[in-house]
Protein backbone atom coordinates (compact mmCIF):
# COMPACT_ATOMS: atom_id res chain seq x y z
CA UNK A 1 5.27 -18.71 11.10
CA UNK A 2 2.77 -17.37 13.54
CA UNK A 3 0.17 -14.93 12.25
CA UNK A 4 0.91 -11.31 13.08
CA UNK A 5 -1.58 -9.03 14.81
CA UNK A 6 -2.51 -5.55 13.61
CA UNK A 7 0.10 -3.75 15.70
CA UNK A 8 2.88 -6.07 14.50
CA UNK A 9 1.82 -5.57 10.89
CA UNK A 10 1.77 -1.79 11.39
CA UNK A 11 5.27 -1.96 12.82
CA UNK A 12 6.56 -3.81 9.76
CA UNK A 13 4.82 -1.38 7.39
CA UNK A 14 6.50 1.54 9.18
CA UNK A 15 9.89 -0.19 9.25
CA UNK A 16 9.71 -0.86 5.51
CA UNK A 17 10.09 2.91 5.01
CA UNK A 18 13.37 3.03 6.95
CA UNK A 19 16.48 2.72 4.73
CA UNK A 20 18.35 0.62 7.30
CA UNK A 21 15.47 -1.86 7.42
CA UNK A 22 15.58 -2.09 3.63
CA UNK A 23 19.26 -3.01 4.00
CA UNK A 24 18.28 -5.65 6.55
CA UNK A 25 15.79 -7.12 4.07
CA UNK A 26 18.56 -7.20 1.46
CA UNK A 27 20.77 -9.08 3.93
CA UNK A 28 17.98 -11.61 4.54
CA UNK A 29 17.57 -12.13 0.79
CA UNK A 30 21.33 -12.52 0.27
CA UNK A 31 21.49 -15.01 3.14
CA UNK A 32 18.59 -16.93 1.65
CA UNK A 33 20.23 -17.10 -1.77
CA UNK A 34 23.63 -18.06 -0.35
CA UNK A 35 22.14 -20.78 1.83
CA UNK A 36 20.11 -22.17 -1.07
CA UNK A 37 23.20 -22.35 -3.28
CA UNK A 38 25.29 -23.88 -0.51
CA UNK A 39 22.60 -26.44 0.27
CA UNK A 40 22.53 -27.58 -3.36
CA UNK A 41 26.06 -28.96 -2.96
CA UNK A 42 25.66 -30.60 0.46
CA UNK A 43 25.72 -34.40 0.52
CA UNK A 44 24.86 -34.97 4.18
CA UNK A 45 21.10 -35.59 4.32
CA UNK A 46 20.76 -34.37 7.90
CA UNK A 47 22.50 -31.11 7.04
CA UNK A 48 20.36 -30.75 3.91
CA UNK A 49 17.17 -31.10 5.95
CA UNK A 50 18.44 -28.69 8.60
CA UNK A 51 19.32 -26.15 5.90
CA UNK A 52 15.90 -26.63 4.30
CA UNK A 53 14.31 -25.67 7.62
CA UNK A 54 16.46 -22.54 7.81
CA UNK A 55 15.60 -21.68 4.21
CA UNK A 56 11.89 -22.10 4.92
CA UNK A 57 12.10 -19.82 7.96
CA UNK A 58 13.89 -17.13 5.94
CA UNK A 59 11.27 -17.48 3.20
CA UNK A 60 8.47 -17.15 5.75
CA UNK A 61 10.02 -14.04 7.29
CA UNK A 62 10.61 -12.33 3.96
CA UNK A 63 7.10 -13.26 2.81
CA UNK A 64 5.56 -11.72 5.94
CA UNK A 65 7.58 -8.56 5.43
CA UNK A 66 6.57 -8.31 1.77
CA UNK A 67 2.90 -8.98 2.43
CA UNK A 68 2.52 -6.86 5.59
CA UNK A 69 0.82 -4.00 3.70
CA UNK A 70 -1.82 -6.28 2.18
CA UNK A 71 -2.36 -8.19 5.42
CA UNK A 72 -2.77 -4.96 7.39
CA UNK A 73 -5.31 -3.73 4.85
CA UNK A 74 -7.17 -7.03 5.09
CA UNK A 75 -7.19 -6.97 8.91
CA UNK A 76 -8.42 -3.36 8.94
CA UNK A 77 -11.10 -4.12 6.35
CA UNK A 78 -12.28 -7.14 8.35
CA UNK A 79 -12.42 -5.08 11.57
CA UNK A 80 -14.58 -2.43 9.87
CA UNK A 81 -17.25 -5.06 9.20
CA UNK A 82 -17.97 -5.26 12.91
CA UNK A 83 -18.09 -1.53 13.60
CA UNK A 84 -21.66 -0.34 14.01
């Protein structure tokens, strides 16, 4: 995943307070779990690899959402070092 800038991180932090966004995160997690279970029974190697890529993307997205607060704090703290 690409690194997010301060404004993008702020947007995620704000969205995390919205109940509908929390439902969206639940949907992502359910999709991730379902895809992981489904992929465990797939015999086609190409499909397994393709599913692994999808799983990794979902993991990356959910990780960025979960860590947005800490990343925003880190970005803000780093920016304060350069303020005179």
